[in-house]
């Protein structure tokens, strides 16, 4: 009888994914700062001395812009959280294992979506 050994990525694979995820976290944090600074700059957009009609139009546009930036910032913060959770899975040596099928998620998928917890097979089952 053969022992049922848990399938997982090797420590060297996990180290490679950890490096990739840390790079993505750094970039995501940088992008989040850009989004936040764009949001802060919306407060002073130079329309103080223009006609009231243009100012009203511009304020409507500013509100939409702030809402978009706010949504972008929220998505970026969630992305960073998801990446940090992936780092925890690396530490636990459960990274890259599909939470539905228990099979390894392909390396190609993990390189594209490093915080993935579902294999393509499991993702297709959800549709």
C-alpha atoms as a PDB file:
ATOM      1  CA  UNK A   1       0.000   0.000   0.000  1.00  0.00           C
ATOM      2  CA  UNK A   2       1.211   3.435  -0.844  1.00  0.00           C
ATOM      3  CA  UNK A   3       0.970   6.246   1.635  1.00  0.00           C
ATOM      4  CA  UNK A   4      -1.291   9.127   0.638  1.00  0.00           C
ATOM      5  CA  UNK A   5       1.152  12.022   0.578  1.00  0.00           C
ATOM      6  CA  UNK A   6      -0.236  15.535   0.478  1.00  0.00           C
ATOM      7  CA  UNK A   7       0.515  17.134  -2.835  1.00  0.00           C
ATOM      8  CA  UNK A   8       2.050  20.589  -2.532  1.00  0.00           C
ATOM      9  CA  UNK A   9       4.585  22.844  -4.187  1.00  0.00           C
ATOM     10  CA  UNK A  10       8.214  22.403  -3.192  1.00  0.00           C
ATOM     11  CA  UNK A  11       9.882  24.864  -0.846  1.00  0.00           C
ATOM     12  CA  UNK A  12      11.862  26.318  -3.762  1.00  0.00           C
ATOM     13  CA  UNK A  13       8.633  26.818  -5.748  1.00  0.00           C
ATOM     14  CA  UNK A  14       7.041  28.442  -2.707  1.00  0.00           C
ATOM     15  CA  UNK A  15      10.055  30.755  -2.313  1.00  0.00           C
ATOM     16  CA  UNK A  16       9.691  31.769  -5.966  1.00  0.00           C
ATOM     17  CA  UNK A  17       5.971  32.506  -5.496  1.00  0.00           C
ATOM     18  CA  UNK A  18       6.728  34.433  -2.289  1.00  0.00           C
ATOM     19  CA  UNK A  19       9.150  36.676  -4.194  1.00  0.00           C
ATOM     20  CA  UNK A  20       6.575  37.242  -6.949  1.00  0.00           C
ATOM     21  CA  UNK A  21       3.829  38.056  -4.432  1.00  0.00           C
ATOM     22  CA  UNK A  22       6.045  40.460  -2.467  1.00  0.00           C
ATOM     23  CA  UNK A  23       6.875  42.281  -5.714  1.00  0.00           C
ATOM     24  CA  UNK A  24       3.140  42.478  -6.532  1.00  0.00           C
ATOM     25  CA  UNK A  25       2.384  43.815  -3.025  1.00  0.00           C
ATOM     26  CA  UNK A  26       5.041  46.538  -3.437  1.00  0.00           C
ATOM     27  CA  UNK A  27       3.616  47.541  -6.815  1.00  0.00           C
ATOM     28  CA  UNK A  28       0.034  47.423  -5.521  1.00  0.00           C
ATOM     29  CA  UNK A  29       0.954  49.659  -2.546  1.00  0.00           C
ATOM     30  CA  UNK A  30       2.628  52.105  -4.928  1.00  0.00           C
ATOM     31  CA  UNK A  31      -0.456  52.106  -7.177  1.00  0.00           C
ATOM     32  CA  UNK A  32      -2.682  52.651  -4.127  1.00  0.00           C
ATOM     33  CA  UNK A  33      -0.609  55.699  -3.140  1.00  0.00           C
ATOM     34  CA  UNK A  34      -1.037  57.090  -6.675  1.00  0.00           C
ATOM     35  CA  UNK A  35      -4.800  56.560  -6.485  1.00  0.00           C
ATOM     36  CA  UNK A  36      -4.950  58.249  -3.077  1.00  0.00           C
ATOM     37  CA  UNK A  37      -2.844  61.193  -4.214  1.00  0.00           C
ATOM     38  CA  UNK A  38      -5.064  61.624  -7.301  1.00  0.00           C
ATOM     39  CA  UNK A  39      -8.057  61.619  -4.949  1.00  0.00           C
ATOM     40  CA  UNK A  40      -6.446  64.276  -2.740  1.00  0.00           C
ATOM     41  CA  UNK A  41      -5.582  66.420  -5.767  1.00  0.00           C
ATOM     42  CA  UNK A  42      -9.244  66.419  -6.839  1.00  0.00           C
ATOM     43  CA  UNK A  43      -9.958  68.815  -3.965  1.00  0.00           C
ATOM     44  CA  UNK A  44      -8.071  71.626  -5.674  1.00  0.00           C
ATOM     45  CA  UNK A  45      -8.739  71.550  -9.387  1.00  0.00           C
ATOM     46  CA  UNK A  46      -8.391  75.224 -10.201  1.00  0.00           C
ATOM     47  CA  UNK A  47     -12.043  76.102 -10.966  1.00  0.00           C
ATOM     48  CA  UNK A  48     -12.448  78.749  -8.250  1.00  0.00           C
ATOM     49  CA  UNK A  49     -12.395  81.728 -10.603  1.00  0.00           C
ATOM     50  CA  UNK A  50     -14.282  80.252 -13.558  1.00  0.00           C
ATOM     51  CA  UNK A  51     -17.947  80.791 -14.407  1.00  0.00           C
ATOM     52  CA  UNK A  52     -20.551  79.214 -12.074  1.00  0.00           C
ATOM     53  CA  UNK A  53     -21.950  77.034 -14.904  1.00  0.00           C
ATOM     54  CA  UNK A  54     -18.571  75.467 -15.630  1.00  0.00           C
ATOM     55  CA  UNK A  55     -17.896  75.113 -11.917  1.00  0.00           C
ATOM     56  CA  UNK A  56     -21.162  73.172 -11.377  1.00  0.00           C
ATOM     57  CA  UNK A  57     -20.369  70.912 -14.314  1.00  0.00           C
ATOM     58  CA  UNK A  58     -16.835  70.436 -13.069  1.00  0.00           C
ATOM     59  CA  UNK A  59     -18.012  69.627  -9.520  1.00  0.00           C
ATOM     60  CA  UNK A  60     -20.266  66.885 -10.924  1.00  0.00           C
ATOM     61  CA  UNK A  61     -17.296  65.511 -12.786  1.00  0.00           C
ATOM     62  CA  UNK A  62     -15.197  65.732  -9.611  1.00  0.00           C
ATOM     63  CA  UNK A  63     -17.776  63.752  -7.624  1.00  0.00           C
ATOM     64  CA  UNK A  64     -17.725  61.008 -10.283  1.00  0.00           C
ATOM     65  CA  UNK A  65     -13.938  61.077 -10.292  1.00  0.00           C
ATOM     66  CA  UNK A  66     -13.814  60.777  -6.482  1.00  0.00           C
ATOM     67  CA  UNK A  67     -16.249  57.855  -6.578  1.00  0.00           C
ATOM     68  CA  UNK A  68     -14.134  56.098  -9.224  1.00  0.00           C
ATOM     69  CA  UNK A  69     -10.948  56.715  -7.258  1.00  0.00           C
ATOM     70  CA  UNK A  70     -12.624  55.482  -4.099  1.00  0.00           C
ATOM     71  CA  UNK A  71     -13.719  52.265  -5.863  1.00  0.00           C
ATOM     72  CA  UNK A  72     -10.224  51.817  -7.312  1.00  0.00           C
ATOM     73  CA  UNK A  73      -8.674  52.328  -3.881  1.00  0.00           C
ATOM     74  CA  UNK A  74     -11.028  49.769  -2.294  1.00  0.00           C
ATOM     75  CA  UNK A  75     -10.260  47.196  -5.001  1.00  0.00           C
ATOM     76  CA  UNK A  76      -6.536  47.836  -4.613  1.00  0.00           C
ATOM     77  CA  UNK A  77      -6.736  47.412  -0.822  1.00  0.00           C
ATOM     78  CA  UNK A  78      -8.620  44.098  -1.273  1.00  0.00           C
ATOM     79  CA  UNK A  79      -5.974  42.952  -3.786  1.00  0.00           C
ATOM     80  CA  UNK A  80      -3.223  43.710  -1.239  1.00  0.00           C
ATOM     81  CA  UNK A  81      -5.138  41.793   1.480  1.00  0.00           C
ATOM     82  CA  UNK A  82      -5.589  38.821  -0.878  1.00  0.00           C
ATOM     83  CA  UNK A  83      -1.862  38.816  -1.662  1.00  0.00           C
ATOM     84  CA  UNK A  84      -0.973  38.957   2.045  1.00  0.00           C
ATOM     85  CA  UNK A  85      -3.311  36.005   2.669  1.00  0.00           C
ATOM     86  CA  UNK A  86      -1.470  34.139  -0.096  1.00  0.00           C
ATOM     87  CA  UNK A  87       1.795  34.759   1.804  1.00  0.00           C
ATOM     88  CA  UNK A  88       0.226  33.120   4.873  1.00  0.00           C
ATOM     89  CA  UNK A  89      -0.691  30.097   2.730  1.00  0.00           C
ATOM     90  CA  UNK A  90       2.947  29.961   1.582  1.00  0.00           C
ATOM     91  CA  UNK A  91       4.107  29.932   5.223  1.00  0.00           C
ATOM     92  CA  UNK A  92       1.579  27.145   5.969  1.00  0.00           C
ATOM     93  CA  UNK A  93       2.721  25.298   2.832  1.00  0.00           C
ATOM     94  CA  UNK A  94      -0.876  25.187   1.562  1.00  0.00           C
ATOM     95  CA  UNK A  95      -0.264  27.728  -1.204  1.00  0.00           C
ATOM     96  CA  UNK A  96      -1.321  26.688  -4.687  1.00  0.00           C
ATOM     97  CA  UNK A  97      -3.699  23.948  -3.552  1.00  0.00           C
ATOM     98  CA  UNK A  98      -7.236  24.362  -4.887  1.00  0.00           C
ATOM     99  CA  UNK A  99      -9.666  24.779  -1.985  1.00  0.00           C
ATOM    100  CA  UNK A 100     -12.354  22.833  -3.896  1.00  0.00           C
ATOM    101  CA  UNK A 101     -10.549  19.982  -5.673  1.00  0.00           C
ATOM    102  CA  UNK A 102      -7.468  19.693  -3.426  1.00  0.00           C
ATOM    103  CA  UNK A 103      -5.320  19.536  -6.568  1.00  0.00           C
ATOM    104  CA  UNK A 104      -2.418  21.834  -7.374  1.00  0.00           C
ATOM    105  CA  UNK A 105      -3.328  25.025  -9.196  1.00  0.00           C
ATOM    106  CA  UNK A 106      -1.171  25.326 -12.315  1.00  0.00           C
ATOM    107  CA  UNK A 107       1.981  27.434 -12.032  1.00  0.00           C
ATOM    108  CA  UNK A 108       0.896  29.469 -15.066  1.00  0.00           C
ATOM    109  CA  UNK A 109      -2.368  30.408 -13.343  1.00  0.00           C
ATOM    110  CA  UNK A 110      -0.570  31.291 -10.108  1.00  0.00           C
ATOM    111  CA  UNK A 111       1.903  33.495 -11.977  1.00  0.00           C
ATOM    112  CA  UNK A 112      -1.018  35.416 -13.505  1.00  0.00           C
ATOM    113  CA  UNK A 113      -3.237  35.375 -10.391  1.00  0.00           C
ATOM    114  CA  UNK A 114      -0.880  34.721  -7.459  1.00  0.00           C
ATOM    115  CA  UNK A 115      -3.697  34.975  -4.900  1.00  0.00           C
ATOM    116  CA  UNK A 116      -5.836  32.320  -6.660  1.00  0.00           C
ATOM    117  CA  UNK A 117      -7.387  29.684  -4.394  1.00  0.00           C
ATOM    118  CA  UNK A 118      -9.281  27.854  -7.128  1.00  0.00           C
ATOM    119  CA  UNK A 119      -7.984  25.799 -10.030  1.00  0.00           C
ATOM    120  CA  UNK A 120      -9.437  26.502 -13.475  1.00  0.00           C
ATOM    121  CA  UNK A 121     -11.376  23.242 -13.096  1.00  0.00           C
ATOM    122  CA  UNK A 122     -13.026  24.459  -9.858  1.00  0.00           C
ATOM    123  CA  UNK A 123     -13.583  27.949 -11.285  1.00  0.00           C
ATOM    124  CA  UNK A 124     -15.438  26.435 -14.262  1.00  0.00           C
ATOM    125  CA  UNK A 125     -17.623  24.407 -11.892  1.00  0.00           C
ATOM    126  CA  UNK A 126     -18.841  27.698 -10.350  1.00  0.00           C
ATOM    127  CA  UNK A 127     -20.291  28.966 -13.636  1.00  0.00           C
END
